[in-house]
Amino acid sequence: MAMQTKTLVWTDIKKMELKEKSIENPEPGWVTVKVNYAGICGSELSAFVGQNELRKPPSVMGHEFSGTVIKTGSDKDSYLLNRNVAVNPLVTCGKCRYCRTGNRQLCPERKIIGIDYPGGFAEYVNVPAYSCYEIIDIPEASLAEPLATALRAVNHAHPAVGDKALVIGAGTIGLLSLKILEISGTIERTVADINDYRLEHAMHWGATKKVNNRNEVIEKGDFDIVVDAVGTADTRKLALDSVARGGRVVYVGLHEPETEFQVNYIIRNEINIHGSFCYSDDDFRRAVDLINNGFLNVKEKWYDIRPIDSGEDSFNEELSPDSKYSKIIMKP
């Protein structure tokens, strides 16, 4: 029997509405999750202003979320009932070589909860049972997805003891990348952003130096590792300008779809460039384990929790260069 659920619907560019929608009982292999916390992702912010080619209105976004399983589509998944879970939003074929090796983010038939299926900006959402990982019931449980993304991005950078790193962007992925880089042996970790509040947050997350690149200059060719957690033409160029010869640049931000590169410069300086998208199954499992063991326990107030009916205002606030928070988490 279908249930009614309050749902935050992205209806048009910079427009959102709270609507009542029906949610059907889950099919076999799927479960219904009562959403407890759902974070706003940077890729959703770019979609909100019409700069993400994968998302089109009307849709229900929200791929960073946690909640409680309240229904199952088959008895074999009944062990999940009443469990608090983080949800891996990837929905894949399960048969291709990528799925068989745990790299489902590369599946040619990949779909995503919050893009191809209704997402977590709702009271209830249906997800595959295999996507559910048991996790403690705290707001940070909704950060399993971005933490897994940051784990993969930093792993692509191959940090070594003594490396100097630059992280561009002090949003959620940037902060989490800093924390991972800190425990990876890097000796210096510079963070660049245009928001002074977020730069201050970053100093609690492992940054050793902060730079407001709206009015401060970053040393060229100074960093062994650069992680671009923004994804604009300007930040991608900044990453290339900042990395040392023979250094590693990881592009994980998705704000703009196209950027021109000086390829000869990349070749002559032997710069290693790596794209990083989502996470493997193992990355997601590690992220959940880290959260369950207190990895994200930071006393400083770097995120805020809002009711779901604040959706449009919360998106606009996160887009502001003066936003006080690196993350807004919505609670249906």
C-alpha atoms as a PDB file:
ATOM      1  CA  MET A   1       0.000   0.000   0.000  1.00  0.00           C
ATOM      2  CA  ALA A   2       1.376   3.399  -0.977  1.00  0.00           C
ATOM      3  CA  MET A   3       2.340   5.940   1.692  1.00  0.00           C
ATOM      4  CA  GLN A   4       2.314   9.720   1.498  1.00  0.00           C
ATOM      5  CA  THR A   5       5.646  11.464   1.945  1.00  0.00           C
ATOM      6  CA  LYS A   6       6.601  15.108   2.220  1.00  0.00           C
ATOM      7  CA  THR A   7       9.100  15.681  -0.574  1.00  0.00           C
ATOM      8  CA  LEU A   8      11.351  18.600  -1.506  1.00  0.00           C
ATOM      9  CA  VAL A   9      11.042  18.896  -5.287  1.00  0.00           C
ATOM     10  CA  TRP A  10      13.465  20.876  -7.435  1.00  0.00           C
ATOM     11  CA  THR A  11      10.973  22.353  -9.872  1.00  0.00           C
ATOM     12  CA  ASP A  12      13.064  24.807 -11.906  1.00  0.00           C
ATOM     13  CA  ILE A  13      16.312  26.773 -11.873  1.00  0.00           C
ATOM     14  CA  LYS A  14      16.708  28.148  -8.321  1.00  0.00           C
ATOM     15  CA  LYS A  15      13.189  26.960  -7.402  1.00  0.00           C
ATOM     16  CA  MET A  16      12.110  24.283  -4.912  1.00  0.00           C
ATOM     17  CA  GLU A  17       8.715  23.302  -3.524  1.00  0.00           C
ATOM     18  CA  LEU A  18       7.602  21.035  -0.687  1.00  0.00           C
ATOM     19  CA  LYS A  19       5.030  18.593  -2.059  1.00  0.00           C
ATOM     20  CA  GLU A  20       3.069  15.569  -0.909  1.00  0.00           C
ATOM     21  CA  LYS A  21       3.892  12.526  -3.030  1.00  0.00           C
ATOM     22  CA  SER A  22       3.042   8.838  -2.947  1.00  0.00           C
ATOM     23  CA  ILE A  23       5.719   6.225  -2.359  1.00  0.00           C
ATOM     24  CA  GLU A  24       4.953   2.631  -3.310  1.00  0.00           C
ATOM     25  CA  ASN A  25       5.900  -0.410  -1.269  1.00  0.00           C
ATOM     26  CA  PRO A  26       9.455  -1.504  -2.066  1.00  0.00           C
ATOM     27  CA  GLU A  27      10.014  -4.126  -4.733  1.00  0.00           C
ATOM     28  CA  PRO A  28      11.861  -7.366  -3.858  1.00  0.00           C
ATOM     29  CA  GLY A  29      15.481  -6.488  -3.160  1.00  0.00           C
ATOM     30  CA  TRP A  30      14.584  -2.928  -2.162  1.00  0.00           C
ATOM     31  CA  VAL A  31      13.670  -1.340   1.173  1.00  0.00           C
ATOM     32  CA  THR A  32      11.909   1.795   2.388  1.00  0.00           C
ATOM     33  CA  VAL A  33      14.038   4.136   4.479  1.00  0.00           C
ATOM     34  CA  LYS A  34      12.664   6.810   6.796  1.00  0.00           C
ATOM     35  CA  VAL A  35      15.173   9.585   6.158  1.00  0.00           C
ATOM     36  CA  ASN A  36      16.782  11.013   9.292  1.00  0.00           C
ATOM     37  CA  TYR A  37      19.433  13.297   7.787  1.00  0.00           C
ATOM     38  CA  ALA A  38      20.191  14.397   4.215  1.00  0.00           C
ATOM     39  CA  GLY A  39      23.095  16.646   3.250  1.00  0.00           C
ATOM     40  CA  ILE A  40      23.235  19.159   0.421  1.00  0.00           C
ATOM     41  CA  CYS A  41      26.035  18.272  -2.012  1.00  0.00           C
ATOM     42  CA  GLY A  42      28.041  20.691  -4.154  1.00  0.00           C
ATOM     43  CA  SER A  43      26.937  18.891  -7.321  1.00  0.00           C
ATOM     44  CA  GLU A  44      23.329  19.568  -6.298  1.00  0.00           C
ATOM     45  CA  LEU A  45      24.125  23.244  -5.810  1.00  0.00           C
ATOM     46  CA  SER A  46      25.473  23.400  -9.369  1.00  0.00           C
ATOM     47  CA  ALA A  47      22.307  21.655 -10.604  1.00  0.00           C
ATOM     48  CA  PHE A  48      20.131  24.110  -8.675  1.00  0.00           C
ATOM     49  CA  VAL A  49      21.582  26.979 -10.733  1.00  0.00           C
ATOM     50  CA  GLY A  50      21.479  25.015 -14.003  1.00  0.00           C
ATOM     51  CA  GLN A  51      25.129  23.991 -14.305  1.00  0.00           C
ATOM     52  CA  ASN A  52      24.938  20.199 -13.964  1.00  0.00           C
ATOM     53  CA  GLU A  53      24.260  18.233 -17.126  1.00  0.00           C
ATOM     54  CA  LEU A  54      23.066  15.084 -15.305  1.00  0.00           C
ATOM     55  CA  ARG A  55      20.196  16.654 -13.400  1.00  0.00           C
ATOM     56  CA  LYS A  56      17.062  18.145 -14.896  1.00  0.00           C
ATOM     57  CA  PRO A  57      13.997  19.505 -13.084  1.00  0.00           C
ATOM     58  CA  PRO A  58      11.569  18.435 -11.849  1.00  0.00           C
ATOM     59  CA  SER A  59      13.321  15.952  -9.598  1.00  0.00           C
ATOM     60  CA  VAL A  60      13.923  14.978  -5.995  1.00  0.00           C
ATOM     61  CA  MET A  61      17.601  15.333  -5.226  1.00  0.00           C
ATOM     62  CA  GLY A  62      19.467  14.063  -2.179  1.00  0.00           C
ATOM     63  CA  HIS A  63      22.126  11.352  -2.455  1.00  0.00           C
ATOM     64  CA  GLU A  64      23.891  11.928   0.883  1.00  0.00           C
ATOM     65  CA  PHE A  65      21.545  10.545   3.510  1.00  0.00           C
ATOM     66  CA  SER A  66      20.976   8.179   6.377  1.00  0.00           C
ATOM     67  CA  GLY A  67      17.847   6.826   7.973  1.00  0.00           C
ATOM     68  CA  THR A  68      15.947   3.890   9.417  1.00  0.00           C
ATOM     69  CA  VAL A  69      14.688   0.927   7.396  1.00  0.00           C
ATOM     70  CA  ILE A  70      10.930   0.591   7.982  1.00  0.00           C
ATOM     71  CA  LYS A  71       9.863  -1.803   5.182  1.00  0.00           C
ATOM     72  CA  THR A  72      11.443  -4.509   3.083  1.00  0.00           C
ATOM     73  CA  GLY A  73      10.380  -5.852  -0.288  1.00  0.00           C
ATOM     74  CA  SER A  74      11.260  -9.435   0.597  1.00  0.00           C
ATOM     75  CA  ASP A  75      11.750 -11.520   3.736  1.00  0.00           C
ATOM     76  CA  LYS A  76      15.431 -12.127   2.982  1.00  0.00           C
ATOM     77  CA  ASP A  77      16.129  -8.470   3.778  1.00  0.00           C
ATOM     78  CA  SER A  78      14.093  -8.408   6.996  1.00  0.00           C
ATOM     79  CA  TYR A  79      17.322  -8.315   9.032  1.00  0.00           C
ATOM     80  CA  LEU A  80      17.537  -4.628   8.031  1.00  0.00           C
ATOM     81  CA  LEU A  81      14.242  -3.686   9.667  1.00  0.00           C
ATOM     82  CA  ASN A  82      14.618  -0.933  12.275  1.00  0.00           C
ATOM     83  CA  ARG A  83      18.349  -0.641  11.536  1.00  0.00           C
ATOM     84  CA  ASN A  84      19.884   2.787  11.073  1.00  0.00           C
ATOM     85  CA  VAL A  85      21.723   2.848   7.754  1.00  0.00           C
ATOM     86  CA  ALA A  86      23.825   5.015   5.499  1.00  0.00           C
ATOM     87  CA  VAL A  87      22.797   4.607   1.883  1.00  0.00           C
ATOM     88  CA  ASN A  88      25.199   4.147  -1.009  1.00  0.00           C
ATOM     89  CA  PRO A  89      23.178   5.827  -3.785  1.00  0.00           C
ATOM     90  CA  LEU A  90      24.713   3.870  -6.677  1.00  0.00           C
ATOM     91  CA  VAL A  91      22.296   1.510  -8.437  1.00  0.00           C
ATOM     92  CA  THR A  92      24.157  -0.759 -10.854  1.00  0.00           C
ATOM     93  CA  CYS A  93      23.768  -3.917 -12.938  1.00  0.00           C
ATOM     94  CA  GLY A  94      25.753  -6.176 -10.603  1.00  0.00           C
ATOM     95  CA  LYS A  95      27.028  -8.214 -13.561  1.00  0.00           C
ATOM     96  CA  CYS A  96      29.634  -6.221 -15.479  1.00  0.00           C
ATOM     97  CA  ARG A  97      33.372  -6.428 -14.769  1.00  0.00           C
ATOM     98  CA  TYR A  98      33.242  -3.204 -12.761  1.00  0.00           C
ATOM     99  CA  CYS A  99      30.444  -4.403 -10.507  1.00  0.00           C
ATOM    100  CA  ARG A 100      32.124  -7.785 -10.049  1.00  0.00           C
ATOM    101  CA  THR A 101      35.302  -6.089  -8.788  1.00  0.00           C
ATOM    102  CA  GLY A 102      33.499  -3.688  -6.436  1.00  0.00           C
ATOM    103  CA  ASN A 103      33.994  -0.671  -8.708  1.00  0.00           C
ATOM    104  CA  ARG A 104      30.318  -0.086  -9.282  1.00  0.00           C
ATOM    105  CA  GLN A 105      30.897   3.636  -9.812  1.00  0.00           C
ATOM    106  CA  LEU A 106      32.185   2.705 -13.293  1.00  0.00           C
ATOM    107  CA  CYS A 107      29.242   0.488 -14.269  1.00  0.00           C
ATOM    108  CA  PRO A 108      28.014   1.440 -17.788  1.00  0.00           C
ATOM    109  CA  GLU A 109      24.427   1.066 -16.543  1.00  0.00           C
ATOM    110  CA  ARG A 110      25.043   3.135 -13.402  1.00  0.00           C
ATOM    111  CA  LYS A 111      22.118   5.067 -12.002  1.00  0.00           C
ATOM    112  CA  ILE A 112      22.024   7.172  -8.866  1.00  0.00           C
ATOM    113  CA  ILE A 113      19.455   7.700  -6.112  1.00  0.00           C
ATOM    114  CA  GLY A 114      18.773  11.432  -6.200  1.00  0.00           C
ATOM    115  CA  ILE A 115      19.288  11.692  -9.972  1.00  0.00           C
ATOM    116  CA  ASP A 116      17.703   8.736 -11.754  1.00  0.00           C
ATOM    117  CA  TYR A 117      15.526   7.742  -8.780  1.00  0.00           C
ATOM    118  CA  PRO A 118      13.866   9.982  -6.174  1.00  0.00           C
ATOM    119  CA  GLY A 119      16.406  10.949  -3.541  1.00  0.00           C
ATOM    120  CA  GLY A 120      16.698  11.601   0.175  1.00  0.00           C
ATOM    121  CA  PHE A 121      15.147  15.073   0.323  1.00  0.00           C
ATOM    122  CA  ALA A 122      11.943  13.436   1.504  1.00  0.00           C
ATOM    123  CA  GLU A 123      10.452  11.766   4.563  1.00  0.00           C
ATOM    124  CA  TYR A 124      10.686   8.334   2.937  1.00  0.00           C
ATOM    125  CA  VAL A 125      12.656   6.889   0.031  1.00  0.00           C
ATOM    126  CA  ASN A 126      13.038   3.452  -1.575  1.00  0.00           C
ATOM    127  CA  VAL A 127      16.590   2.145  -2.067  1.00  0.00           C
ATOM    128  CA  PRO A 128      18.229  -1.211  -2.884  1.00  0.00           C
ATOM    129  CA  ALA A 129      18.836  -3.371   0.174  1.00  0.00           C
ATOM    130  CA  TYR A 130      22.453  -3.894  -0.924  1.00  0.00           C
ATOM    131  CA  SER A 131      22.966  -0.118  -0.635  1.00  0.00           C
ATOM    132  CA  CYS A 132      22.362  -0.087   3.124  1.00  0.00           C
ATOM    133  CA  TYR A 133      25.254  -0.034   5.606  1.00  0.00           C
ATOM    134  CA  GLU A 134      24.494  -0.075   9.325  1.00  0.00           C
ATOM    135  CA  ILE A 135      25.672   3.122  11.005  1.00  0.00           C
ATOM    136  CA  ILE A 136      25.168   5.032  14.238  1.00  0.00           C
ATOM    137  CA  ASP A 137      22.247   7.476  14.319  1.00  0.00           C
ATOM    138  CA  ILE A 138      23.971  10.871  14.268  1.00  0.00           C
ATOM    139  CA  PRO A 139      23.835  13.732  11.735  1.00  0.00           C
ATOM    140  CA  GLU A 140      27.331  12.793  10.557  1.00  0.00           C
ATOM    141  CA  ALA A 141      25.910   9.461   9.351  1.00  0.00           C
ATOM    142  CA  SER A 142      24.678  11.355   6.290  1.00  0.00           C
ATOM    143  CA  LEU A 143      28.334  12.126   5.481  1.00  0.00           C
ATOM    144  CA  ALA A 144      29.281   8.535   4.636  1.00  0.00           C
ATOM    145  CA  GLU A 145      28.835   9.299   0.929  1.00  0.00           C
ATOM    146  CA  PRO A 146      31.046  12.427   0.789  1.00  0.00           C
ATOM    147  CA  LEU A 147      33.598  10.790   3.104  1.00  0.00           C
ATOM    148  CA  ALA A 148      33.827   7.843   0.702  1.00  0.00           C
ATOM    149  CA  THR A 149      34.280  10.327  -2.152  1.00  0.00           C
ATOM    150  CA  ALA A 150      37.105  12.074  -0.286  1.00  0.00           C
ATOM    151  CA  LEU A 151      38.777   8.761   0.575  1.00  0.00           C
ATOM    152  CA  ARG A 152      38.891   7.815  -3.091  1.00  0.00           C
ATOM    153  CA  ALA A 153      40.126  11.233  -4.208  1.00  0.00           C
ATOM    154  CA  VAL A 154      42.983  11.301  -1.703  1.00  0.00           C
ATOM    155  CA  ASN A 155      43.885   7.695  -2.509  1.00  0.00           C
ATOM    156  CA  HIS A 156      44.267   8.696  -6.177  1.00  0.00           C
ATOM    157  CA  ALA A 157      46.754  11.374  -5.055  1.00  0.00           C
ATOM    158  CA  HIS A 158      49.025   8.727  -3.459  1.00  0.00           C
ATOM    159  CA  PRO A 159      50.059  10.886  -0.488  1.00  0.00           C
ATOM    160  CA  ALA A 160      53.497  10.140   0.931  1.00  0.00           C
ATOM    161  CA  VAL A 161      55.141  11.121   4.195  1.00  0.00           C
ATOM    162  CA  GLY A 162      56.575  14.621   3.811  1.00  0.00           C
ATOM    163  CA  ASP A 163      54.337  15.742   0.949  1.00  0.00           C
ATOM    164  CA  LYS A 164      52.944  19.251   0.706  1.00  0.00           C
ATOM    165  CA  ALA A 165      49.266  19.371  -0.270  1.00  0.00           C
ATOM    166  CA  LEU A 166      46.810  21.995  -1.467  1.00  0.00           C
ATOM    167  CA  VAL A 167      43.060  21.493  -1.213  1.00  0.00           C
ATOM    168  CA  ILE A 168      40.948  23.897  -3.261  1.00  0.00           C
ATOM    169  CA  GLY A 169      37.529  24.351  -1.709  1.00  0.00           C
ATOM    170  CA  ALA A 170      36.577  24.177   1.962  1.00  0.00           C
ATOM    171  CA  GLY A 171      33.205  22.571   1.445  1.00  0.00           C
ATOM    172  CA  THR A 172      32.508  19.081   2.739  1.00  0.00           C
ATOM    173  CA  ILE A 173      34.752  17.174   0.311  1.00  0.00           C
ATOM    174  CA  GLY A 174      37.554  19.656   0.886  1.00  0.00           C
ATOM    175  CA  LEU A 175      37.345  19.393   4.679  1.00  0.00           C
ATOM    176  CA  LEU A 176      37.205  15.604   4.620  1.00  0.00           C
ATOM    177  CA  SER A 177      40.135  15.469   2.195  1.00  0.00           C
ATOM    178  CA  LEU A 178      42.184  17.628   4.564  1.00  0.00           C
ATOM    179  CA  LYS A 179      41.508  15.281   7.459  1.00  0.00           C
ATOM    180  CA  ILE A 180      42.506  12.239   5.408  1.00  0.00           C
ATOM    181  CA  LEU A 181      45.644  13.982   4.123  1.00  0.00           C
ATOM    182  CA  GLU A 182      46.586  14.848   7.708  1.00  0.00           C
ATOM    183  CA  ILE A 183      46.641  11.208   8.798  1.00  0.00           C
ATOM    184  CA  SER A 184      48.425  10.221   5.565  1.00  0.00           C
ATOM    185  CA  GLY A 185      51.713  11.836   6.560  1.00  0.00           C
ATOM    186  CA  THR A 186      51.607  15.117   4.640  1.00  0.00           C
ATOM    187  CA  ILE A 187      53.575  17.815   6.472  1.00  0.00           C
ATOM    188  CA  GLU A 188      51.826  20.877   5.059  1.00  0.00           C
ATOM    189  CA  ARG A 189      48.195  21.238   4.042  1.00  0.00           C
ATOM    190  CA  THR A 190      47.085  24.523   2.534  1.00  0.00           C
ATOM    191  CA  VAL A 191      43.398  25.165   1.908  1.00  0.00           C
ATOM    192  CA  ALA A 192      42.084  27.735  -0.560  1.00  0.00           C
ATOM    193  CA  ASP A 193      38.563  29.157  -0.635  1.00  0.00           C
ATOM    194  CA  ILE A 194      36.831  32.513  -1.086  1.00  0.00           C
ATOM    195  CA  ASN A 195      34.772  32.150   2.112  1.00  0.00           C
ATOM    196  CA  ASP A 196      36.521  33.145   5.348  1.00  0.00           C
ATOM    197  CA  TYR A 197      34.081  31.175   7.524  1.00  0.00           C
ATOM    198  CA  ARG A 198      34.844  27.971   5.634  1.00  0.00           C
ATOM    199  CA  LEU A 199      38.565  28.664   5.739  1.00  0.00           C
ATOM    200  CA  GLU A 200      38.325  28.915   9.502  1.00  0.00           C
ATOM    201  CA  HIS A 201      36.456  25.594   9.609  1.00  0.00           C
ATOM    202  CA  ALA A 202      39.286  24.044   7.601  1.00  0.00           C
ATOM    203  CA  MET A 203      41.810  24.919  10.320  1.00  0.00           C
ATOM    204  CA  HIS A 204      39.917  22.516  12.595  1.00  0.00           C
ATOM    205  CA  TRP A 205      40.056  19.791   9.941  1.00  0.00           C
ATOM    206  CA  GLY A 206      43.790  19.512   9.400  1.00  0.00           C
ATOM    207  CA  ALA A 207      44.775  22.580   7.373  1.00  0.00           C
ATOM    208  CA  THR A 208      48.096  24.139   8.375  1.00  0.00           C
ATOM    209  CA  LYS A 209      47.559  27.284   6.272  1.00  0.00           C
ATOM    210  CA  LYS A 210      44.526  29.027   4.792  1.00  0.00           C
ATOM    211  CA  VAL A 211      44.402  31.249   1.701  1.00  0.00           C
ATOM    212  CA  ASN A 212      41.479  33.343   0.531  1.00  0.00           C
ATOM    213  CA  ASN A 213      42.167  33.123  -3.175  1.00  0.00           C
ATOM    214  CA  ARG A 214      39.789  35.986  -3.864  1.00  0.00           C
ATOM    215  CA  ASN A 215      42.526  38.368  -2.701  1.00  0.00           C
ATOM    216  CA  GLU A 216      45.573  36.251  -1.770  1.00  0.00           C
ATOM    217  CA  VAL A 217      48.090  34.561  -4.047  1.00  0.00           C
ATOM    218  CA  ILE A 218      48.953  30.862  -3.895  1.00  0.00           C
ATOM    219  CA  GLU A 219      52.565  29.959  -4.598  1.00  0.00           C
ATOM    220  CA  LYS A 220      52.952  28.481  -8.076  1.00  0.00           C
ATOM    221  CA  GLY A 221      54.466  25.050  -8.526  1.00  0.00           C
ATOM    222  CA  ASP A 222      54.793  24.486  -4.797  1.00  0.00           C
ATOM    223  CA  PHE A 223      52.647  21.438  -4.010  1.00  0.00           C
ATOM    224  CA  ASP A 224      53.210  17.712  -4.461  1.00  0.00           C
ATOM    225  CA  ILE A 225      49.447  17.128  -4.307  1.00  0.00           C
ATOM    226  CA  VAL A 226      46.517  19.325  -5.333  1.00  0.00           C
ATOM    227  CA  VAL A 227      42.910  18.256  -4.802  1.00  0.00           C
ATOM    228  CA  ASP A 228      40.336  20.405  -6.607  1.00  0.00           C
ATOM    229  CA  ALA A 229      37.103  19.937  -4.683  1.00  0.00           C
ATOM    230  CA  VAL A 230      35.279  22.737  -6.528  1.00  0.00           C
ATOM    231  CA  GLY A 231      35.426  22.011 -10.247  1.00  0.00           C
ATOM    232  CA  THR A 232      35.292  25.334 -12.099  1.00  0.00           C
ATOM    233  CA  ALA A 233      37.519  26.425 -14.954  1.00  0.00           C
ATOM    234  CA  ASP A 234      39.293  28.802 -12.562  1.00  0.00           C
ATOM    235  CA  THR A 235      39.955  26.208  -9.854  1.00  0.00           C
ATOM    236  CA  ARG A 236      41.108  23.609 -12.386  1.00  0.00           C
ATOM    237  CA  LYS A 237      43.611  26.116 -13.782  1.00  0.00           C
ATOM    238  CA  LEU A 238      44.668  27.043 -10.255  1.00  0.00           C
ATOM    239  CA  ALA A 239      45.350  23.378  -9.541  1.00  0.00           C
ATOM    240  CA  LEU A 240      47.667  23.070 -12.546  1.00  0.00           C
ATOM    241  CA  ASP A 241      49.432  26.337 -11.719  1.00  0.00           C
ATOM    242  CA  SER A 242      49.990  25.269  -8.114  1.00  0.00           C
ATOM    243  CA  VAL A 243      51.256  21.712  -8.505  1.00  0.00           C
ATOM    244  CA  ALA A 244      54.997  21.013  -8.539  1.00  0.00           C
ATOM    245  CA  ARG A 245      56.704  19.377 -11.502  1.00  0.00           C
ATOM    246  CA  GLY A 246      56.000  15.680 -11.344  1.00  0.00           C
ATOM    247  CA  GLY A 247      53.170  16.328  -8.900  1.00  0.00           C
ATOM    248  CA  ARG A 248      49.656  14.911  -8.741  1.00  0.00           C
ATOM    249  CA  VAL A 249      46.389  16.736  -9.396  1.00  0.00           C
ATOM    250  CA  VAL A 250      43.076  15.114  -8.506  1.00  0.00           C
ATOM    251  CA  TYR A 251      39.903  16.577  -9.956  1.00  0.00           C
ATOM    252  CA  VAL A 252      36.877  15.622  -7.872  1.00  0.00           C
ATOM    253  CA  GLY A 253      34.734  18.789  -8.103  1.00  0.00           C
ATOM    254  CA  LEU A 254      31.960  18.720 -10.698  1.00  0.00           C
ATOM    255  CA  HIS A 255      30.724  22.300 -10.843  1.00  0.00           C
ATOM    256  CA  GLU A 256      31.368  22.960 -14.554  1.00  0.00           C
ATOM    257  CA  PRO A 257      31.292  20.294 -17.303  1.00  0.00           C
ATOM    258  CA  GLU A 258      34.050  21.653 -19.582  1.00  0.00           C
ATOM    259  CA  THR A 259      37.499  23.205 -19.103  1.00  0.00           C
ATOM    260  CA  GLU A 260      40.348  23.953 -21.533  1.00  0.00           C
ATOM    261  CA  PHE A 261      43.832  22.708 -20.576  1.00  0.00           C
ATOM    262  CA  GLN A 262      47.344  23.593 -21.721  1.00  0.00           C
ATOM    263  CA  VAL A 263      48.252  20.010 -22.505  1.00  0.00           C
ATOM    264  CA  ASN A 264      51.852  20.743 -23.510  1.00  0.00           C
ATOM    265  CA  TYR A 265      52.410  22.278 -20.068  1.00  0.00           C
ATOM    266  CA  ILE A 266      51.080  19.093 -18.474  1.00  0.00           C
ATOM    267  CA  ILE A 267      53.351  16.927 -20.630  1.00  0.00           C
ATOM    268  CA  ARG A 268      56.515  18.975 -20.167  1.00  0.00           C
ATOM    269  CA  ASN A 269      56.093  19.113 -16.408  1.00  0.00           C
ATOM    270  CA  GLU A 270      55.058  15.450 -16.097  1.00  0.00           C
ATOM    271  CA  ILE A 271      51.976  16.362 -14.105  1.00  0.00           C
ATOM    272  CA  ASN A 272      49.838  13.390 -13.194  1.00  0.00           C
ATOM    273  CA  ILE A 273      46.117  14.161 -13.501  1.00  0.00           C
ATOM    274  CA  HIS A 274      43.485  11.870 -12.077  1.00  0.00           C
ATOM    275  CA  GLY A 275      39.721  12.172 -12.248  1.00  0.00           C
ATOM    276  CA  SER A 276      37.940  10.836  -9.198  1.00  0.00           C
ATOM    277  CA  PHE A 277      34.239  10.000  -9.261  1.00  0.00           C
ATOM    278  CA  CYS A 278      32.267   8.625  -6.352  1.00  0.00           C
ATOM    279  CA  TYR A 279      33.817   5.600  -4.629  1.00  0.00           C
ATOM    280  CA  SER A 280      34.225   1.868  -4.755  1.00  0.00           C
ATOM    281  CA  ASP A 281      32.214  -0.402  -2.476  1.00  0.00           C
ATOM    282  CA  ASP A 282      35.308  -0.709  -0.291  1.00  0.00           C
ATOM    283  CA  ASP A 283      35.635   3.082  -0.044  1.00  0.00           C
ATOM    284  CA  PHE A 284      32.041   3.316   1.157  1.00  0.00           C
ATOM    285  CA  ARG A 285      32.518   0.539   3.703  1.00  0.00           C
ATOM    286  CA  ARG A 286      35.645   2.257   5.038  1.00  0.00           C
ATOM    287  CA  ALA A 287      33.781   5.555   5.323  1.00  0.00           C
ATOM    288  CA  VAL A 288      31.027   3.925   7.378  1.00  0.00           C
ATOM    289  CA  ASP A 289      33.595   2.221   9.621  1.00  0.00           C
ATOM    290  CA  LEU A 290      35.386   5.539  10.181  1.00  0.00           C
ATOM    291  CA  ILE A 291      32.158   7.322  11.144  1.00  0.00           C
ATOM    292  CA  ASN A 292      31.146   4.500  13.481  1.00  0.00           C
ATOM    293  CA  ASN A 293      34.525   4.873  15.179  1.00  0.00           C
ATOM    294  CA  GLY A 294      34.342   8.637  15.695  1.00  0.00           C
ATOM    295  CA  PHE A 295      36.507   9.876  12.818  1.00  0.00           C
ATOM    296  CA  LEU A 296      34.243  12.877  12.213  1.00  0.00           C
ATOM    297  CA  ASN A 297      33.999  14.007  15.826  1.00  0.00           C
ATOM    298  CA  VAL A 298      34.903  17.685  15.531  1.00  0.00           C
ATOM    299  CA  LYS A 299      33.635  20.049  18.232  1.00  0.00           C
ATOM    300  CA  GLU A 300      33.608  23.135  16.028  1.00  0.00           C
ATOM    301  CA  LYS A 301      30.202  23.937  14.479  1.00  0.00           C
ATOM    302  CA  TRP A 302      30.940  23.548  10.783  1.00  0.00           C
ATOM    303  CA  TYR A 303      27.498  22.337   9.663  1.00  0.00           C
ATOM    304  CA  ASP A 304      23.913  23.277  10.436  1.00  0.00           C
ATOM    305  CA  ILE A 305      20.721  21.224  10.510  1.00  0.00           C
ATOM    306  CA  ARG A 306      17.589  22.637   8.876  1.00  0.00           C
ATOM    307  CA  PRO A 307      14.013  21.409   8.329  1.00  0.00           C
ATOM    308  CA  ILE A 308      13.281  20.136   4.842  1.00  0.00           C
ATOM    309  CA  ASP A 309      10.892  23.009   4.118  1.00  0.00           C
ATOM    310  CA  SER A 310      13.889  25.360   4.230  1.00  0.00           C
ATOM    311  CA  GLY A 311      15.224  23.732   1.058  1.00  0.00           C
ATOM    312  CA  GLU A 312      15.252  26.668  -1.356  1.00  0.00           C
ATOM    313  CA  ASP A 313      16.614  29.074   1.251  1.00  0.00           C
ATOM    314  CA  SER A 314      19.245  26.547   2.351  1.00  0.00           C
ATOM    315  CA  PHE A 315      20.442  26.014  -1.225  1.00  0.00           C
ATOM    316  CA  ASN A 316      20.713  29.758  -1.789  1.00  0.00           C
ATOM    317  CA  GLU A 317      22.597  30.184   1.481  1.00  0.00           C
ATOM    318  CA  GLU A 318      25.105  27.461   0.577  1.00  0.00           C
ATOM    319  CA  LEU A 319      25.732  29.205  -2.749  1.00  0.00           C
ATOM    320  CA  SER A 320      26.528  32.484  -1.028  1.00  0.00           C
ATOM    321  CA  PRO A 321      30.241  33.355  -0.657  1.00  0.00           C
ATOM    322  CA  ASP A 322      29.368  34.512   2.875  1.00  0.00           C
ATOM    323  CA  SER A 323      27.721  31.282   4.068  1.00  0.00           C
ATOM    324  CA  LYS A 324      28.773  30.492   7.646  1.00  0.00           C
ATOM    325  CA  TYR A 325      28.641  26.731   7.142  1.00  0.00           C
ATOM    326  CA  SER A 326      30.526  24.251   5.003  1.00  0.00           C
ATOM    327  CA  LYS A 327      27.505  21.954   5.080  1.00  0.00           C
ATOM    328  CA  ILE A 328      23.765  22.200   5.560  1.00  0.00           C
ATOM    329  CA  ILE A 329      22.054  18.969   6.545  1.00  0.00           C
ATOM    330  CA  MET A 330      18.288  18.758   6.197  1.00  0.00           C
ATOM    331  CA  LYS A 331      16.085  16.771   8.527  1.00  0.00           C
ATOM    332  CA  PRO A 332      12.659  15.795   7.124  1.00  0.00           C
END
